[in-house]
Amino acid sequence: MLTENISLSEESMDVHMPIPWYVRLWASVLRRAIVDWILYRDHENVKLKKVGLSAGRWIFSENTSDVGSFDSICSMMGIAPEVIRQKICALTEEEARRLRGMEFGDS
């Protein structure tokens, strides 16, 4: 699963420290992009396929300068982008559906 074996920065390991709202927001964006890429990149529906491919461009982009880039979001969360990308590539569709939090019948 995505959360296994991920090294977080020392600040994020403090269980008594509340997680800032903006980190939760970007974590949700990251989770949605992961789910979209895995479930929709090869979808038959053209609109869903565009969503999946767009998510993939964001995830695998080499852009590190934009505030909303994949790399900057990973940096904010204290996780190496390469580690997340490796975990994303290893996820199955079933795991992506669980990550999304609900089962839909999109095949």
N, C-alpha and C. Protein backbone atom coordinates (compact mmCIF):
# COMPACT_ATOMS: atom_id res chain seq x y z
N MET A 1 0.84 -1.18 0.00
CA MET A 1 0.00 0.00 0.00
C MET A 1 0.88 1.24 0.00
N LEU A 2 0.33 2.35 -0.40
CA LEU A 2 1.06 3.60 -0.56
C LEU A 2 1.72 4.07 0.72
N THR A 3 1.11 3.87 1.85
CA THR A 3 1.63 4.42 3.10
C THR A 3 2.69 3.55 3.75
N GLU A 4 2.93 2.37 3.25
CA GLU A 4 3.92 1.49 3.83
C GLU A 4 5.32 1.95 3.45
N ASN A 5 6.24 1.87 4.39
CA ASN A 5 7.67 2.13 4.17
C ASN A 5 7.96 3.52 3.63
N ILE A 6 7.20 4.51 4.02
CA ILE A 6 7.47 5.88 3.59
C ILE A 6 8.09 6.62 4.76
N SER A 7 9.26 7.19 4.54
CA SER A 7 9.93 7.93 5.60
C SER A 7 9.43 9.35 5.62
N LEU A 8 8.89 9.76 6.75
CA LEU A 8 8.40 11.12 6.91
C LEU A 8 9.43 11.93 7.67
N SER A 9 9.39 13.24 7.48
CA SER A 9 10.29 14.10 8.22
C SER A 9 9.97 14.04 9.70
N GLU A 10 10.92 14.43 10.54
CA GLU A 10 10.73 14.36 11.99
C GLU A 10 9.54 15.18 12.46
N GLU A 11 9.29 16.34 11.83
CA GLU A 11 8.16 17.18 12.25
C GLU A 11 6.84 16.46 12.06
N SER A 12 6.71 15.70 10.98
CA SER A 12 5.44 15.04 10.70
C SER A 12 5.24 13.79 11.55
N MET A 13 6.28 13.34 12.27
CA MET A 13 6.18 12.16 13.10
C MET A 13 5.61 12.48 14.48
N ASP A 14 5.54 13.73 14.87
CA ASP A 14 5.01 14.13 16.17
C ASP A 14 3.50 13.97 16.17
N VAL A 15 3.01 12.94 16.87
CA VAL A 15 1.58 12.65 16.85
C VAL A 15 0.76 13.69 17.62
N HIS A 16 1.42 14.50 18.45
CA HIS A 16 0.72 15.52 19.21
C HIS A 16 0.57 16.82 18.44
N MET A 17 1.27 16.94 17.35
CA MET A 17 1.22 18.15 16.55
C MET A 17 0.08 18.03 15.53
N PRO A 18 -0.89 18.95 15.54
CA PRO A 18 -1.99 18.84 14.57
C PRO A 18 -1.49 19.03 13.14
N ILE A 19 -2.13 18.34 12.23
CA ILE A 19 -1.77 18.48 10.82
C ILE A 19 -2.44 19.74 10.28
N PRO A 20 -1.65 20.66 9.72
CA PRO A 20 -2.24 21.90 9.20
C PRO A 20 -3.27 21.62 8.09
N TRP A 21 -4.26 22.50 7.98
CA TRP A 21 -5.34 22.33 7.01
C TRP A 21 -4.81 22.25 5.59
N TYR A 22 -3.77 23.03 5.27
CA TYR A 22 -3.26 23.04 3.90
C TYR A 22 -2.55 21.73 3.55
N VAL A 23 -1.96 21.07 4.52
CA VAL A 23 -1.34 19.77 4.26
C VAL A 23 -2.43 18.73 4.00
N ARG A 24 -3.51 18.79 4.77
CA ARG A 24 -4.64 17.89 4.54
C ARG A 24 -5.24 18.11 3.15
N LEU A 25 -5.36 19.38 2.77
CA LEU A 25 -5.91 19.71 1.45
C LEU A 25 -5.04 19.13 0.34
N TRP A 26 -3.74 19.39 0.40
CA TRP A 26 -2.85 18.90 -0.65
C TRP A 26 -2.74 17.37 -0.63
N ALA A 27 -2.85 16.77 0.54
CA ALA A 27 -2.85 15.30 0.62
C ALA A 27 -4.07 14.74 -0.10
N SER A 28 -5.20 15.43 0.01
CA SER A 28 -6.42 15.00 -0.70
C SER A 28 -6.25 15.15 -2.20
N VAL A 29 -5.62 16.23 -2.63
CA VAL A 29 -5.36 16.43 -4.06
C VAL A 29 -4.44 15.32 -4.58
N LEU A 30 -3.41 15.03 -3.82
CA LEU A 30 -2.47 13.97 -4.19
C LEU A 30 -3.19 12.62 -4.29
N ARG A 31 -3.99 12.30 -3.28
CA ARG A 31 -4.72 11.03 -3.29
C ARG A 31 -5.64 10.95 -4.50
N ARG A 32 -6.34 12.03 -4.81
CA ARG A 32 -7.26 12.02 -5.95
C ARG A 32 -6.51 11.82 -7.26
N ALA A 33 -5.37 12.48 -7.41
CA ALA A 33 -4.58 12.32 -8.63
C ALA A 33 -4.09 10.88 -8.79
N ILE A 34 -3.68 10.28 -7.70
CA ILE A 34 -3.22 8.88 -7.73
C ILE A 34 -4.36 7.98 -8.20
N VAL A 35 -5.51 8.13 -7.60
CA VAL A 35 -6.68 7.32 -7.94
C VAL A 35 -7.06 7.55 -9.41
N ASP A 36 -7.12 8.80 -9.83
CA ASP A 36 -7.48 9.11 -11.22
C ASP A 36 -6.51 8.48 -12.20
N TRP A 37 -5.21 8.56 -11.91
CA TRP A 37 -4.22 8.01 -12.84
C TRP A 37 -4.36 6.50 -12.95
N ILE A 38 -4.48 5.84 -11.81
CA ILE A 38 -4.55 4.38 -11.82
C ILE A 38 -5.84 3.88 -12.48
N LEU A 39 -6.96 4.49 -12.12
CA LEU A 39 -8.24 3.98 -12.61
C LEU A 39 -8.62 4.43 -14.01
N TYR A 40 -8.14 5.59 -14.44
CA TYR A 40 -8.66 6.17 -15.67
C TYR A 40 -7.66 6.33 -16.81
N ARG A 41 -6.39 6.13 -16.60
CA ARG A 41 -5.41 6.37 -17.66
C ARG A 41 -5.64 5.52 -18.91
N ASP A 42 -6.21 4.33 -18.73
CA ASP A 42 -6.48 3.44 -19.86
C ASP A 42 -7.98 3.21 -20.07
N HIS A 43 -8.79 4.10 -19.54
CA HIS A 43 -10.25 3.93 -19.58
C HIS A 43 -10.77 4.08 -21.01
N GLU A 44 -11.86 3.39 -21.32
CA GLU A 44 -12.47 3.49 -22.65
C GLU A 44 -13.19 4.82 -22.85
N ASN A 45 -13.75 5.37 -21.78
CA ASN A 45 -14.43 6.65 -21.85
C ASN A 45 -13.39 7.76 -22.06
N VAL A 46 -13.54 8.54 -23.12
CA VAL A 46 -12.55 9.54 -23.49
C VAL A 46 -12.37 10.60 -22.39
N LYS A 47 -13.47 11.05 -21.79
CA LYS A 47 -13.37 12.07 -20.74
C LYS A 47 -12.62 11.54 -19.52
N LEU A 48 -12.93 10.32 -19.12
CA LEU A 48 -12.23 9.74 -17.97
C LEU A 48 -10.76 9.49 -18.28
N LYS A 49 -10.49 9.08 -19.52
CA LYS A 49 -9.10 8.85 -19.92
C LYS A 49 -8.31 10.16 -19.86
N LYS A 50 -8.92 11.27 -20.28
CA LYS A 50 -8.26 12.58 -20.20
C LYS A 50 -7.93 12.93 -18.75
N VAL A 51 -8.87 12.63 -17.85
CA VAL A 51 -8.65 12.89 -16.42
C VAL A 51 -7.45 12.09 -15.93
N GLY A 52 -7.40 10.81 -16.29
CA GLY A 52 -6.30 9.95 -15.87
C GLY A 52 -4.96 10.38 -16.43
N LEU A 53 -4.95 10.75 -17.71
CA LEU A 53 -3.69 11.18 -18.33
C LEU A 53 -3.22 12.52 -17.76
N SER A 54 -4.16 13.40 -17.48
CA SER A 54 -3.81 14.69 -16.87
C SER A 54 -3.19 14.47 -15.48
N ALA A 55 -3.77 13.56 -14.71
CA ALA A 55 -3.22 13.24 -13.39
C ALA A 55 -1.81 12.68 -13.53
N GLY A 56 -1.60 11.84 -14.52
CA GLY A 56 -0.27 11.27 -14.76
C GLY A 56 0.76 12.32 -15.13
N ARG A 57 0.36 13.29 -15.95
CA ARG A 57 1.29 14.37 -16.30
C ARG A 57 1.71 15.13 -15.06
N TRP A 58 0.77 15.37 -14.14
CA TRP A 58 1.09 16.09 -12.91
C TRP A 58 2.00 15.25 -12.02
N ILE A 59 1.67 13.97 -11.84
CA ILE A 59 2.45 13.09 -10.96
C ILE A 59 3.87 12.90 -11.47
N PHE A 60 4.03 12.69 -12.76
CA PHE A 60 5.34 12.33 -13.31
C PHE A 60 6.09 13.51 -13.93
N SER A 61 5.58 14.71 -13.72
CA SER A 61 6.22 15.91 -14.24
C SER A 61 7.54 16.17 -13.51
N GLU A 62 8.47 16.75 -14.22
CA GLU A 62 9.76 17.13 -13.63
C GLU A 62 9.72 18.55 -13.09
N ASN A 63 8.56 19.18 -13.11
CA ASN A 63 8.40 20.54 -12.63
C ASN A 63 8.51 20.57 -11.11
N THR A 64 9.50 21.26 -10.61
CA THR A 64 9.68 21.35 -9.16
C THR A 64 9.53 22.78 -8.65
N SER A 65 9.30 23.73 -9.53
CA SER A 65 9.29 25.13 -9.12
C SER A 65 7.89 25.65 -8.76
N ASP A 66 6.84 25.09 -9.32
CA ASP A 66 5.50 25.57 -9.03
C ASP A 66 5.05 25.17 -7.64
N VAL A 67 4.32 26.04 -7.00
CA VAL A 67 3.80 25.78 -5.66
C VAL A 67 2.94 24.53 -5.63
N GLY A 68 2.14 24.31 -6.66
CA GLY A 68 1.25 23.16 -6.70
C GLY A 68 1.79 21.97 -7.44
N SER A 69 3.10 21.93 -7.68
CA SER A 69 3.66 20.78 -8.39
C SER A 69 3.69 19.56 -7.48
N PHE A 70 3.72 18.40 -8.09
CA PHE A 70 3.78 17.15 -7.34
C PHE A 70 4.97 17.15 -6.39
N ASP A 71 6.14 17.56 -6.90
CA ASP A 71 7.35 17.56 -6.07
C ASP A 71 7.22 18.50 -4.88
N SER A 72 6.63 19.68 -5.09
CA SER A 72 6.51 20.62 -3.97
C SER A 72 5.52 20.11 -2.92
N ILE A 73 4.48 19.42 -3.37
CA ILE A 73 3.51 18.86 -2.43
C ILE A 73 4.17 17.76 -1.60
N CYS A 74 4.92 16.89 -2.25
CA CYS A 74 5.64 15.84 -1.52
C CYS A 74 6.62 16.45 -0.53
N SER A 75 7.31 17.49 -0.96
CA SER A 75 8.25 18.18 -0.08
C SER A 75 7.55 18.74 1.15
N MET A 76 6.38 19.35 0.95
CA MET A 76 5.61 19.91 2.06
C MET A 76 5.25 18.82 3.07
N MET A 77 4.97 17.62 2.56
CA MET A 77 4.59 16.52 3.43
C MET A 77 5.80 15.76 3.98
N GLY A 78 7.00 16.15 3.53
CA GLY A 78 8.22 15.51 4.03
C GLY A 78 8.47 14.13 3.46
N ILE A 79 8.00 13.90 2.23
CA ILE A 79 8.15 12.59 1.58
C ILE A 79 8.86 12.78 0.25
N ALA A 80 9.82 11.95 -0.04
CA ALA A 80 10.56 12.03 -1.30
C ALA A 80 9.64 11.69 -2.47
N PRO A 81 9.57 12.56 -3.49
CA PRO A 81 8.69 12.29 -4.65
C PRO A 81 8.96 10.95 -5.32
N GLU A 82 10.22 10.54 -5.38
CA GLU A 82 10.56 9.28 -6.04
C GLU A 82 9.93 8.09 -5.30
N VAL A 83 9.88 8.18 -3.97
CA VAL A 83 9.29 7.11 -3.17
C VAL A 83 7.80 7.01 -3.47
N ILE A 84 7.13 8.15 -3.50
CA ILE A 84 5.69 8.16 -3.79
C ILE A 84 5.44 7.63 -5.20
N ARG A 85 6.24 8.07 -6.17
CA ARG A 85 6.04 7.60 -7.55
C ARG A 85 6.21 6.09 -7.64
N GLN A 86 7.19 5.54 -6.96
CA GLN A 86 7.39 4.08 -6.96
C GLN A 86 6.17 3.37 -6.37
N LYS A 87 5.65 3.90 -5.27
CA LYS A 87 4.48 3.30 -4.62
C LYS A 87 3.25 3.40 -5.53
N ILE A 88 3.10 4.54 -6.20
CA ILE A 88 1.97 4.73 -7.11
C ILE A 88 2.01 3.69 -8.22
N CYS A 89 3.17 3.50 -8.80
CA CYS A 89 3.30 2.56 -9.92
C CYS A 89 3.04 1.11 -9.50
N ALA A 90 3.18 0.83 -8.22
CA ALA A 90 2.96 -0.53 -7.72
C ALA A 90 1.52 -0.78 -7.28
N LEU A 91 0.70 0.27 -7.19
CA LEU A 91 -0.68 0.11 -6.74
C LEU A 91 -1.54 -0.60 -7.78
N THR A 92 -2.45 -1.41 -7.31
CA THR A 92 -3.42 -2.07 -8.18
C THR A 92 -4.69 -1.23 -8.25
N GLU A 93 -5.57 -1.56 -9.17
CA GLU A 93 -6.85 -0.86 -9.26
C GLU A 93 -7.66 -1.06 -7.98
N GLU A 94 -7.62 -2.25 -7.43
CA GLU A 94 -8.35 -2.51 -6.18
C GLU A 94 -7.83 -1.63 -5.05
N GLU A 95 -6.53 -1.50 -4.95
CA GLU A 95 -5.95 -0.64 -3.92
C GLU A 95 -6.31 0.82 -4.15
N ALA A 96 -6.36 1.22 -5.42
CA ALA A 96 -6.74 2.60 -5.74
C ALA A 96 -8.18 2.86 -5.34
N ARG A 97 -9.05 1.90 -5.55
CA ARG A 97 -10.45 2.06 -5.14
C ARG A 97 -10.56 2.18 -3.62
N ARG A 98 -9.76 1.39 -2.91
CA ARG A 98 -9.76 1.51 -1.45
C ARG A 98 -9.19 2.85 -1.01
N LEU A 99 -8.16 3.31 -1.71
CA LEU A 99 -7.57 4.61 -1.42
C LEU A 99 -8.60 5.71 -1.62
N ARG A 100 -9.41 5.57 -2.62
CA ARG A 100 -10.47 6.53 -2.89
C ARG A 100 -11.50 6.50 -1.78
N GLY A 101 -11.63 5.37 -1.12
CA GLY A 101 -12.51 5.30 0.03
C GLY A 101 -13.87 4.70 -0.25
N MET A 102 -14.11 4.35 -1.48
CA MET A 102 -15.41 3.74 -1.80
C MET A 102 -15.28 2.92 -3.06
N GLU A 103 -16.14 1.96 -3.20
CA GLU A 103 -16.14 1.10 -4.38
C GLU A 103 -17.12 1.63 -5.43
N PHE A 104 -16.61 1.85 -6.61
CA PHE A 104 -17.47 2.14 -7.76
C PHE A 104 -17.21 1.03 -8.76
N GLY A 105 -18.07 0.86 -9.69
CA GLY A 105 -17.89 -0.21 -10.66
C GLY A 105 -17.18 0.25 -11.91
N ASP A 106 -16.18 1.18 -11.78
CA ASP A 106 -15.51 1.62 -13.01
C ASP A 106 -14.41 0.63 -13.38
N SER A 107 -14.63 -0.02 -14.48
CA SER A 107 -13.67 -1.02 -14.94
C SER A 107 -12.88 -0.49 -16.10
